[in-house]
Amino acid sequence: LISLTAPKKAALHFRGRYHYLGGRF
C-alpha cells in the first residue's frame, strides 16, 4: 500500500507486507 500525502484511516486495516508513505511535497 502506498499512502499519499498522509495515510488514510483505512490503512489501519491493511495487513500486507509493505506500507510506504509517498508524496514528499
mmCIF file of all heavy atoms, coordinates in Angstrom:
data_MODEL
# 
_entry.id   MODEL 
# 
loop_
_atom_site.group_PDB 
_atom_site.id 
_atom_site.type_symbol 
_atom_site.label_atom_id 
_atom_site.label_alt_id 
_atom_site.label_comp_id 
_atom_site.label_asym_id 
_atom_site.label_entity_id 
_atom_site.label_seq_id 
_atom_site.pdbx_PDB_ins_code 
_atom_site.Cartn_x 
_atom_site.Cartn_y 
_atom_site.Cartn_z 
_atom_site.occupancy 
_atom_site.B_iso_or_equiv 
_atom_site.pdbx_formal_charge 
_atom_site.auth_seq_id 
_atom_site.auth_comp_id 
_atom_site.auth_asym_id 
_atom_site.auth_atom_id 
_atom_site.pdbx_PDB_model_num 
ATOM 1   N N   . LEU A 1 1  ? 0.852   -1.179  0.000  1.00 0.00 ? 1  LEU A N   1 
ATOM 2   C CA  . LEU A 1 1  ? 0.000   0.000   0.000  1.00 0.00 ? 1  LEU A CA  1 
ATOM 3   C C   . LEU A 1 1  ? 0.891   1.232   0.000  1.00 0.00 ? 1  LEU A C   1 
ATOM 4   O O   . LEU A 1 1  ? 1.787   1.349   0.830  1.00 0.00 ? 1  LEU A O   1 
ATOM 5   C CB  . LEU A 1 1  ? -0.920  0.009   1.226  1.00 0.00 ? 1  LEU A CB  1 
ATOM 6   C CG  . LEU A 1 1  ? -1.801  1.246   1.416  1.00 0.00 ? 1  LEU A CG  1 
ATOM 7   C CD1 . LEU A 1 1  ? -2.784  1.400   0.253  1.00 0.00 ? 1  LEU A CD1 1 
ATOM 8   C CD2 . LEU A 1 1  ? -2.564  1.177   2.745  1.00 0.00 ? 1  LEU A CD2 1 
ATOM 9   N N   . ILE A 1 2  ? 0.653   2.132   -0.944 1.00 0.00 ? 2  ILE A N   1 
ATOM 10  C CA  . ILE A 1 2  ? 1.376   3.399   -0.986 1.00 0.00 ? 2  ILE A CA  1 
ATOM 11  C C   . ILE A 1 2  ? 0.415   4.499   -0.591 1.00 0.00 ? 2  ILE A C   1 
ATOM 12  O O   . ILE A 1 2  ? -0.473  4.878   -1.367 1.00 0.00 ? 2  ILE A O   1 
ATOM 13  C CB  . ILE A 1 2  ? 1.971   3.698   -2.373 1.00 0.00 ? 2  ILE A CB  1 
ATOM 14  C CG1 . ILE A 1 2  ? 2.795   2.507   -2.880 1.00 0.00 ? 2  ILE A CG1 1 
ATOM 15  C CG2 . ILE A 1 2  ? 2.831   4.955   -2.322 1.00 0.00 ? 2  ILE A CG2 1 
ATOM 16  C CD1 . ILE A 1 2  ? 2.201   1.800   -4.061 1.00 0.00 ? 2  ILE A CD1 1 
ATOM 17  N N   . SER A 1 3  ? 0.529   4.991   0.646  1.00 0.00 ? 3  SER A N   1 
ATOM 18  C CA  . SER A 1 3  ? -0.305  6.091   1.117  1.00 0.00 ? 3  SER A CA  1 
ATOM 19  C C   . SER A 1 3  ? 0.288   7.400   0.621  1.00 0.00 ? 3  SER A C   1 
ATOM 20  O O   . SER A 1 3  ? 1.495   7.629   0.733  1.00 0.00 ? 3  SER A O   1 
ATOM 21  C CB  . SER A 1 3  ? -0.375  6.100   2.653  1.00 0.00 ? 3  SER A CB  1 
ATOM 22  O OG  . SER A 1 3  ? -1.093  4.986   3.134  1.00 0.00 ? 3  SER A OG  1 
ATOM 23  N N   . LEU A 1 4  ? -0.551  8.269   0.082  1.00 0.00 ? 4  LEU A N   1 
ATOM 24  C CA  . LEU A 1 4  ? -0.082  9.529   -0.482 1.00 0.00 ? 4  LEU A CA  1 
ATOM 25  C C   . LEU A 1 4  ? -0.464  10.705  0.410  1.00 0.00 ? 4  LEU A C   1 
ATOM 26  O O   . LEU A 1 4  ? -1.567  10.748  0.957  1.00 0.00 ? 4  LEU A O   1 
ATOM 27  C CB  . LEU A 1 4  ? -0.664  9.719   -1.879 1.00 0.00 ? 4  LEU A CB  1 
ATOM 28  C CG  . LEU A 1 4  ? -0.256  8.653   -2.906 1.00 0.00 ? 4  LEU A CG  1 
ATOM 29  C CD1 . LEU A 1 4  ? -1.011  8.849   -4.207 1.00 0.00 ? 4  LEU A CD1 1 
ATOM 30  C CD2 . LEU A 1 4  ? 1.253   8.685   -3.147 1.00 0.00 ? 4  LEU A CD2 1 
ATOM 31  N N   . THR A 1 5  ? 0.426   11.654  0.565  1.00 0.00 ? 5  THR A N   1 
ATOM 32  C CA  . THR A 1 5  ? 0.297   12.830  1.426  1.00 0.00 ? 5  THR A CA  1 
ATOM 33  C C   . THR A 1 5  ? 0.340   12.415  2.896  1.00 0.00 ? 5  THR A C   1 
ATOM 34  O O   . THR A 1 5  ? 1.248   12.776  3.625  1.00 0.00 ? 5  THR A O   1 
ATOM 35  C CB  . THR A 1 5  ? -0.990  13.631  1.143  1.00 0.00 ? 5  THR A CB  1 
ATOM 36  O OG1 . THR A 1 5  ? -1.060  13.931  -0.259 1.00 0.00 ? 5  THR A OG1 1 
ATOM 37  C CG2 . THR A 1 5  ? -1.002  14.927  1.948  1.00 0.00 ? 5  THR A CG2 1 
ATOM 38  N N   . ALA A 1 6  ? -0.678  11.683  3.344  1.00 0.00 ? 6  ALA A N   1 
ATOM 39  C CA  . ALA A 1 6  ? -0.745  11.109  4.694  1.00 0.00 ? 6  ALA A CA  1 
ATOM 40  C C   . ALA A 1 6  ? -1.625  9.879   4.602  1.00 0.00 ? 6  ALA A C   1 
ATOM 41  O O   . ALA A 1 6  ? -2.516  9.807   3.756  1.00 0.00 ? 6  ALA A O   1 
ATOM 42  C CB  . ALA A 1 6  ? -1.321  12.112  5.694  1.00 0.00 ? 6  ALA A CB  1 
ATOM 43  N N   . PRO A 1 7  ? -1.393  8.875   5.456  1.00 0.00 ? 7  PRO A N   1 
ATOM 44  C CA  . PRO A 1 7  ? -2.224  7.665   5.371  1.00 0.00 ? 7  PRO A CA  1 
ATOM 45  C C   . PRO A 1 7  ? -3.668  7.943   5.752  1.00 0.00 ? 7  PRO A C   1 
ATOM 46  O O   . PRO A 1 7  ? -3.958  8.823   6.556  1.00 0.00 ? 7  PRO A O   1 
ATOM 47  C CB  . PRO A 1 7  ? -1.556  6.698   6.357  1.00 0.00 ? 7  PRO A CB  1 
ATOM 48  C CG  . PRO A 1 7  ? -0.766  7.575   7.287  1.00 0.00 ? 7  PRO A CG  1 
ATOM 49  C CD  . PRO A 1 7  ? -0.344  8.767   6.492  1.00 0.00 ? 7  PRO A CD  1 
ATOM 50  N N   . LYS A 1 8  ? -4.576  7.206   5.142  1.00 0.00 ? 8  LYS A N   1 
ATOM 51  C CA  . LYS A 1 8  ? -5.998  7.320   5.436  1.00 0.00 ? 8  LYS A CA  1 
ATOM 52  C C   . LYS A 1 8  ? -6.372  6.282   6.495  1.00 0.00 ? 8  LYS A C   1 
ATOM 53  O O   . LYS A 1 8  ? -5.656  5.307   6.707  1.00 0.00 ? 8  LYS A O   1 
ATOM 54  C CB  . LYS A 1 8  ? -6.820  7.118   4.165  1.00 0.00 ? 8  LYS A CB  1 
ATOM 55  C CG  . LYS A 1 8  ? -6.288  7.841   2.933  1.00 0.00 ? 8  LYS A CG  1 
ATOM 56  C CD  . LYS A 1 8  ? -6.057  9.311   3.153  1.00 0.00 ? 8  LYS A CD  1 
ATOM 57  C CE  . LYS A 1 8  ? -5.507  10.017  1.924  1.00 0.00 ? 8  LYS A CE  1 
ATOM 58  N NZ  . LYS A 1 8  ? -4.116  9.685   1.598  1.00 0.00 ? 8  LYS A NZ  1 
ATOM 59  N N   . LYS A 1 9  ? -7.503  6.471   7.165  1.00 0.00 ? 9  LYS A N   1 
ATOM 60  C CA  . LYS A 1 9  ? -7.894  5.589   8.263  1.00 0.00 ? 9  LYS A CA  1 
ATOM 61  C C   . LYS A 1 9  ? -8.014  4.135   7.818  1.00 0.00 ? 9  LYS A C   1 
ATOM 62  O O   . LYS A 1 9  ? -7.772  3.213   8.606  1.00 0.00 ? 9  LYS A O   1 
ATOM 63  C CB  . LYS A 1 9  ? -9.203  6.072   8.884  1.00 0.00 ? 9  LYS A CB  1 
ATOM 64  C CG  . LYS A 1 9  ? -9.048  7.348   9.694  1.00 0.00 ? 9  LYS A CG  1 
ATOM 65  C CD  . LYS A 1 9  ? -10.351 7.766   10.352 1.00 0.00 ? 9  LYS A CD  1 
ATOM 66  C CE  . LYS A 1 9  ? -10.159 9.015   11.201 1.00 0.00 ? 9  LYS A CE  1 
ATOM 67  N NZ  . LYS A 1 9  ? -11.427 9.451   11.842 1.00 0.00 ? 9  LYS A NZ  1 
ATOM 68  N N   . ALA A 1 10 ? -8.376  3.912   6.578  1.00 0.00 ? 10 ALA A N   1 
ATOM 69  C CA  . ALA A 1 10 ? -8.482  2.541   6.072  1.00 0.00 ? 10 ALA A CA  1 
ATOM 70  C C   . ALA A 1 10 ? -7.164  1.797   6.174  1.00 0.00 ? 10 ALA A C   1 
ATOM 71  O O   . ALA A 1 10 ? -7.137  0.571   6.318  1.00 0.00 ? 10 ALA A O   1 
ATOM 72  C CB  . ALA A 1 10 ? -8.969  2.545   4.625  1.00 0.00 ? 10 ALA A CB  1 
ATOM 73  N N   . ALA A 1 11 ? -6.047  2.532   6.116  1.00 0.00 ? 11 ALA A N   1 
ATOM 74  C CA  . ALA A 1 11 ? -4.728  1.905   6.168  1.00 0.00 ? 11 ALA A CA  1 
ATOM 75  C C   . ALA A 1 11 ? -4.473  1.196   7.484  1.00 0.00 ? 11 ALA A C   1 
ATOM 76  O O   . ALA A 1 11 ? -3.610  0.313   7.569  1.00 0.00 ? 11 ALA A O   1 
ATOM 77  C CB  . ALA A 1 11 ? -3.639  2.938   5.901  1.00 0.00 ? 11 ALA A CB  1 
ATOM 78  N N   . LEU A 1 12 ? -5.220  1.562   8.541  1.00 0.00 ? 12 LEU A N   1 
ATOM 79  C CA  . LEU A 1 12 ? -5.083  0.868   9.819  1.00 0.00 ? 12 LEU A CA  1 
ATOM 80  C C   . LEU A 1 12 ? -5.552  -0.577  9.721  1.00 0.00 ? 12 LEU A C   1 
ATOM 81  O O   . LEU A 1 12 ? -5.230  -1.396  10.579 1.00 0.00 ? 12 LEU A O   1 
ATOM 82  C CB  . LEU A 1 12 ? -5.881  1.606   10.896 1.00 0.00 ? 12 LEU A CB  1 
ATOM 83  C CG  . LEU A 1 12 ? -5.349  3.001   11.275 1.00 0.00 ? 12 LEU A CG  1 
ATOM 84  C CD1 . LEU A 1 12 ? -6.373  3.742   12.132 1.00 0.00 ? 12 LEU A CD1 1 
ATOM 85  C CD2 . LEU A 1 12 ? -4.016  2.892   12.008 1.00 0.00 ? 12 LEU A CD2 1 
ATOM 86  N N   . HIS A 1 13 ? -6.307  -0.903  8.681  1.00 0.00 ? 13 HIS A N   1 
ATOM 87  C CA  . HIS A 1 13 ? -6.798  -2.259  8.462  1.00 0.00 ? 13 HIS A CA  1 
ATOM 88  C C   . HIS A 1 13 ? -5.952  -3.016  7.441  1.00 0.00 ? 13 HIS A C   1 
ATOM 89  O O   . HIS A 1 13 ? -6.271  -4.165  7.107  1.00 0.00 ? 13 HIS A O   1 
ATOM 90  C CB  . HIS A 1 13 ? -8.256  -2.218  7.995  1.00 0.00 ? 13 HIS A CB  1 
ATOM 91  C CG  . HIS A 1 13 ? -9.172  -1.505  8.953  1.00 0.00 ? 13 HIS A CG  1 
ATOM 92  N ND1 . HIS A 1 13 ? -9.730  -2.131  10.050 1.00 0.00 ? 13 HIS A ND1 1 
ATOM 93  C CD2 . HIS A 1 13 ? -9.612  -0.214  8.989  1.00 0.00 ? 13 HIS A CD2 1 
ATOM 94  C CE1 . HIS A 1 13 ? -10.477 -1.259  10.718 1.00 0.00 ? 13 HIS A CE1 1 
ATOM 95  N NE2 . HIS A 1 13 ? -10.424 -0.098  10.099 1.00 0.00 ? 13 HIS A NE2 1 
ATOM 96  N N   . PHE A 1 14 ? -4.903  -2.394  6.936  1.00 0.00 ? 14 PHE A N   1 
ATOM 97  C CA  . PHE A 1 14 ? -4.031  -3.022  5.946  1.00 0.00 ? 14 PHE A CA  1 
ATOM 98  C C   . PHE A 1 14 ? -3.197  -4.118  6.603  1.00 0.00 ? 14 PHE A C   1 
ATOM 99  O O   . PHE A 1 14 ? -2.597  -3.901  7.655  1.00 0.00 ? 14 PHE A O   1 
ATOM 100 C CB  . PHE A 1 14 ? -3.116  -1.960  5.324  1.00 0.00 ? 14 PHE A CB  1 
ATOM 101 C CG  . PHE A 1 14 ? -2.043  -2.504  4.438  1.00 0.00 ? 14 PHE A CG  1 
ATOM 102 C CD1 . PHE A 1 14 ? -2.350  -3.128  3.242  1.00 0.00 ? 14 PHE A CD1 1 
ATOM 103 C CD2 . PHE A 1 14 ? -0.701  -2.378  4.802  1.00 0.00 ? 14 PHE A CD2 1 
ATOM 104 C CE1 . PHE A 1 14 ? -1.346  -3.621  2.415  1.00 0.00 ? 14 PHE A CE1 1 
ATOM 105 C CE2 . PHE A 1 14 ? 0.308   -2.866  3.986  1.00 0.00 ? 14 PHE A CE2 1 
ATOM 106 C CZ  . PHE A 1 14 ? -0.015  -3.492  2.790  1.00 0.00 ? 14 PHE A CZ  1 
ATOM 107 N N   . ARG A 1 15 ? -3.151  -5.290  5.976  1.00 0.00 ? 15 ARG A N   1 
ATOM 108 C CA  . ARG A 1 15 ? -2.431  -6.427  6.542  1.00 0.00 ? 15 ARG A CA  1 
ATOM 109 C C   . ARG A 1 15 ? -1.356  -6.960  5.603  1.00 0.00 ? 15 ARG A C   1 
ATOM 110 O O   . ARG A 1 15 ? -0.830  -8.051  5.803  1.00 0.00 ? 15 ARG A O   1 
ATOM 111 C CB  . ARG A 1 15 ? -3.419  -7.552  6.880  1.00 0.00 ? 15 ARG A CB  1 
ATOM 112 C CG  . ARG A 1 15 ? -4.418  -7.182  7.987  1.00 0.00 ? 15 ARG A CG  1 
ATOM 113 C CD  . ARG A 1 15 ? -3.718  -6.935  9.300  1.00 0.00 ? 15 ARG A CD  1 
ATOM 114 N NE  . ARG A 1 15 ? -4.654  -6.566  10.369 1.00 0.00 ? 15 ARG A NE  1 
ATOM 115 C CZ  . ARG A 1 15 ? -4.913  -5.322  10.733 1.00 0.00 ? 15 ARG A CZ  1 
ATOM 116 N NH1 . ARG A 1 15 ? -4.311  -4.322  10.102 1.00 0.00 ? 15 ARG A NH1 1 
ATOM 117 N NH2 . ARG A 1 15 ? -5.762  -5.052  11.694 1.00 0.00 ? 15 ARG A NH2 1 
ATOM 118 N N   . GLY A 1 16 ? -1.021  -6.221  4.582  1.00 0.00 ? 16 GLY A N   1 
ATOM 119 C CA  . GLY A 1 16 ? 0.017   -6.642  3.651  1.00 0.00 ? 16 GLY A CA  1 
ATOM 120 C C   . GLY A 1 16 ? 1.412   -6.463  4.225  1.00 0.00 ? 16 GLY A C   1 
ATOM 121 O O   . GLY A 1 16 ? 1.598   -5.984  5.359  1.00 0.00 ? 16 GLY A O   1 
ATOM 122 N N   . ARG A 1 17 ? 2.423   -6.805  3.441  1.00 0.00 ? 17 ARG A N   1 
ATOM 123 C CA  . ARG A 1 17 ? 3.808   -6.763  3.916  1.00 0.00 ? 17 ARG A CA  1 
ATOM 124 C C   . ARG A 1 17 ? 4.437   -5.381  3.869  1.00 0.00 ? 17 ARG A C   1 
ATOM 125 O O   . ARG A 1 17 ? 5.294   -5.052  4.700  1.00 0.00 ? 17 ARG A O   1 
ATOM 126 C CB  . ARG A 1 17 ? 4.665   -7.728  3.078  1.00 0.00 ? 17 ARG A CB  1 
ATOM 127 C CG  . ARG A 1 17 ? 4.351   -9.186  3.282  1.00 0.00 ? 17 ARG A CG  1 
ATOM 128 C CD  . ARG A 1 17 ? 5.314   -10.053 2.486  1.00 0.00 ? 17 ARG A CD  1 
ATOM 129 N NE  . ARG A 1 17 ? 5.147   -9.863  1.040  1.00 0.00 ? 17 ARG A NE  1 
ATOM 130 C CZ  . ARG A 1 17 ? 5.959   -10.369 0.132  1.00 0.00 ? 17 ARG A CZ  1 
ATOM 131 N NH1 . ARG A 1 17 ? 7.006   -11.089 0.508  1.00 0.00 ? 17 ARG A NH1 1 
ATOM 132 N NH2 . ARG A 1 17 ? 5.720   -10.176 -1.159 1.00 0.00 ? 17 ARG A NH2 1 
ATOM 133 N N   . TYR A 1 18 ? 4.042   -4.572  2.925  1.00 0.00 ? 18 TYR A N   1 
ATOM 134 C CA  . TYR A 1 18 ? 4.737   -3.308  2.702  1.00 0.00 ? 18 TYR A CA  1 
ATOM 135 C C   . TYR A 1 18 ? 3.765   -2.133  2.721  1.00 0.00 ? 18 TYR A C   1 
ATOM 136 O O   . TYR A 1 18 ? 2.788   -2.111  1.974  1.00 0.00 ? 18 TYR A O   1 
ATOM 137 C CB  . TYR A 1 18 ? 5.459   -3.316  1.348  1.00 0.00 ? 18 TYR A CB  1 
ATOM 138 C CG  . TYR A 1 18 ? 6.330   -4.521  1.116  1.00 0.00 ? 18 TYR A CG  1 
ATOM 139 C CD1 . TYR A 1 18 ? 5.955   -5.505  0.202  1.00 0.00 ? 18 TYR A CD1 1 
ATOM 140 C CD2 . TYR A 1 18 ? 7.533   -4.685  1.804  1.00 0.00 ? 18 TYR A CD2 1 
ATOM 141 C CE1 . TYR A 1 18 ? 6.751   -6.611  -0.019 1.00 0.00 ? 18 TYR A CE1 1 
ATOM 142 C CE2 . TYR A 1 18 ? 8.335   -5.794  1.584  1.00 0.00 ? 18 TYR A CE2 1 
ATOM 143 C CZ  . TYR A 1 18 ? 7.942   -6.758  0.671  1.00 0.00 ? 18 TYR A CZ  1 
ATOM 144 O OH  . TYR A 1 18 ? 8.724   -7.850  0.461  1.00 0.00 ? 18 TYR A OH  1 
ATOM 145 N N   . HIS A 1 19 ? 4.058   -1.154  3.559  1.00 0.00 ? 19 HIS A N   1 
ATOM 146 C CA  . HIS A 1 19 ? 3.283   0.082   3.593  1.00 0.00 ? 19 HIS A CA  1 
ATOM 147 C C   . HIS A 1 19 ? 4.260   1.251   3.506  1.00 0.00 ? 19 HIS A C   1 
ATOM 148 O O   . HIS A 1 19 ? 5.107   1.435   4.375  1.00 0.00 ? 19 HIS A O   1 
ATOM 149 C CB  . HIS A 1 19 ? 2.450   0.171   4.882  1.00 0.00 ? 19 HIS A CB  1 
ATOM 150 C CG  . HIS A 1 19 ? 1.532   1.353   4.918  1.00 0.00 ? 19 HIS A CG  1 
ATOM 151 N ND1 . HIS A 1 19 ? 0.883   1.759   6.081  1.00 0.00 ? 19 HIS A ND1 1 
ATOM 152 C CD2 . HIS A 1 19 ? 1.141   2.226   3.947  1.00 0.00 ? 19 HIS A CD2 1 
ATOM 153 C CE1 . HIS A 1 19 ? 0.134   2.809   5.810  1.00 0.00 ? 19 HIS A CE1 1 
ATOM 154 N NE2 . HIS A 1 19 ? 0.278   3.113   4.538  1.00 0.00 ? 19 HIS A NE2 1 
ATOM 155 N N   . TYR A 1 20 ? 4.147   1.996   2.430  1.00 0.00 ? 20 TYR A N   1 
ATOM 156 C CA  . TYR A 1 20 ? 5.002   3.156   2.227  1.00 0.00 ? 20 TYR A CA  1 
ATOM 157 C C   . TYR A 1 20 ? 4.177   4.437   2.225  1.00 0.00 ? 20 TYR A C   1 
ATOM 158 O O   . TYR A 1 20 ? 3.033   4.455   1.759  1.00 0.00 ? 20 TYR A O   1 
ATOM 159 C CB  . TYR A 1 20 ? 5.757   3.050   0.892  1.00 0.00 ? 20 TYR A CB  1 
ATOM 160 C CG  . TYR A 1 20 ? 6.973   2.159   0.943  1.00 0.00 ? 20 TYR A CG  1 
ATOM 161 C CD1 . TYR A 1 20 ? 6.886   0.805   0.647  1.00 0.00 ? 20 TYR A CD1 1 
ATOM 162 C CD2 . TYR A 1 20 ? 8.226   2.674   1.289  1.00 0.00 ? 20 TYR A CD2 1 
ATOM 163 C CE1 . TYR A 1 20 ? 8.000   -0.022  0.692  1.00 0.00 ? 20 TYR A CE1 1 
ATOM 164 C CE2 . TYR A 1 20 ? 9.349   1.856   1.332  1.00 0.00 ? 20 TYR A CE2 1 
ATOM 165 C CZ  . TYR A 1 20 ? 9.237   0.520   1.032  1.00 0.00 ? 20 TYR A CZ  1 
ATOM 166 O OH  . TYR A 1 20 ? 10.339  -0.293  1.083  1.00 0.00 ? 20 TYR A OH  1 
ATOM 167 N N   . LEU A 1 21 ? 4.779   5.494   2.744  1.00 0.00 ? 21 LEU A N   1 
ATOM 168 C CA  . LEU A 1 21 ? 4.222   6.833   2.626  1.00 0.00 ? 21 LEU A CA  1 
ATOM 169 C C   . LEU A 1 21 ? 4.930   7.516   1.472  1.00 0.00 ? 21 LEU A C   1 
ATOM 170 O O   . LEU A 1 21 ? 6.161   7.500   1.384  1.00 0.00 ? 21 LEU A O   1 
ATOM 171 C CB  . LEU A 1 21 ? 4.440   7.618   3.923  1.00 0.00 ? 21 LEU A CB  1 
ATOM 172 C CG  . LEU A 1 21 ? 3.989   9.081   3.920  1.00 0.00 ? 21 LEU A CG  1 
ATOM 173 C CD1 . LEU A 1 21 ? 2.476   9.173   3.759  1.00 0.00 ? 21 LEU A CD1 1 
ATOM 174 C CD2 . LEU A 1 21 ? 4.441   9.771   5.210  1.00 0.00 ? 21 LEU A CD2 1 
ATOM 175 N N   . GLY A 1 22 ? 4.173   8.094   0.569  1.00 0.00 ? 22 GLY A N   1 
ATOM 176 C CA  . GLY A 1 22 ? 4.753   8.759   -0.591 1.00 0.00 ? 22 GLY A CA  1 
ATOM 177 C C   . GLY A 1 22 ? 4.182   10.146  -0.776 1.00 0.00 ? 22 GLY A C   1 
ATOM 178 O O   . GLY A 1 22 ? 3.134   10.488  -0.222 1.00 0.00 ? 22 GLY A O   1 
ATOM 179 N N   . GLY A 1 23 ? 4.851   10.930  -1.589 1.00 0.00 ? 23 GLY A N   1 
ATOM 180 C CA  . GLY A 1 23 ? 4.405   12.285  -1.842 1.00 0.00 ? 23 GLY A CA  1 
ATOM 181 C C   . GLY A 1 23 ? 5.082   13.268  -0.932 1.00 0.00 ? 23 GLY A C   1 
ATOM 182 O O   . GLY A 1 23 ? 4.458   13.876  -0.069 1.00 0.00 ? 23 GLY A O   1 
ATOM 183 N N   . ARG A 1 24 ? 6.365   13.424  -1.120 1.00 0.00 ? 24 ARG A N   1 
ATOM 184 C CA  . ARG A 1 24 ? 7.153   14.314  -0.253 1.00 0.00 ? 24 ARG A CA  1 
ATOM 185 C C   . ARG A 1 24 ? 6.995   15.766  -0.730 1.00 0.00 ? 24 ARG A C   1 
ATOM 186 O O   . ARG A 1 24 ? 7.919   16.381  -1.249 1.00 0.00 ? 24 ARG A O   1 
ATOM 187 C CB  . ARG A 1 24 ? 8.625   13.882  -0.287 1.00 0.00 ? 24 ARG A CB  1 
ATOM 188 C CG  . ARG A 1 24 ? 9.493   14.545  0.760  1.00 0.00 ? 24 ARG A CG  1 
ATOM 189 C CD  . ARG A 1 24 ? 10.913  13.998  0.682  1.00 0.00 ? 24 ARG A CD  1 
ATOM 190 N NE  . ARG A 1 24 ? 11.766  14.573  1.703  1.00 0.00 ? 24 ARG A NE  1 
ATOM 191 C CZ  . ARG A 1 24 ? 13.048  14.212  1.888  1.00 0.00 ? 24 ARG A CZ  1 
ATOM 192 N NH1 . ARG A 1 24 ? 13.580  13.273  1.125  1.00 0.00 ? 24 ARG A NH1 1 
ATOM 193 N NH2 . ARG A 1 24 ? 13.755  14.778  2.838  1.00 0.00 ? 24 ARG A NH2 1 
ATOM 194 N N   . PHE A 1 25 ? 5.778   16.272  -0.554 1.00 0.00 ? 25 PHE A N   1 
ATOM 195 C CA  . PHE A 1 25 ? 5.502   17.616  -1.052 1.00 0.00 ? 25 PHE A CA  1 
ATOM 196 C C   . PHE A 1 25 ? 4.672   18.449  -0.072 1.00 0.00 ? 25 PHE A C   1 
ATOM 197 O O   . PHE A 1 25 ? 4.298   19.572  -0.388 1.00 0.00 ? 25 PHE A O   1 
ATOM 198 C CB  . PHE A 1 25 ? 4.768   17.558  -2.391 1.00 0.00 ? 25 PHE A CB  1 
ATOM 199 C CG  . PHE A 1 25 ? 3.582   16.623  -2.404 1.00 0.00 ? 25 PHE A CG  1 
ATOM 200 C CD1 . PHE A 1 25 ? 2.416   16.935  -1.734 1.00 0.00 ? 25 PHE A CD1 1 
ATOM 201 C CD2 . PHE A 1 25 ? 3.650   15.421  -3.096 1.00 0.00 ? 25 PHE A CD2 1 
ATOM 202 C CE1 . PHE A 1 25 ? 1.340   16.079  -1.738 1.00 0.00 ? 25 PHE A CE1 1 
ATOM 203 C CE2 . PHE A 1 25 ? 2.571   14.552  -3.116 1.00 0.00 ? 25 PHE A CE2 1 
ATOM 204 C CZ  . PHE A 1 25 ? 1.405   14.886  -2.446 1.00 0.00 ? 25 PHE A CZ  1 
# 
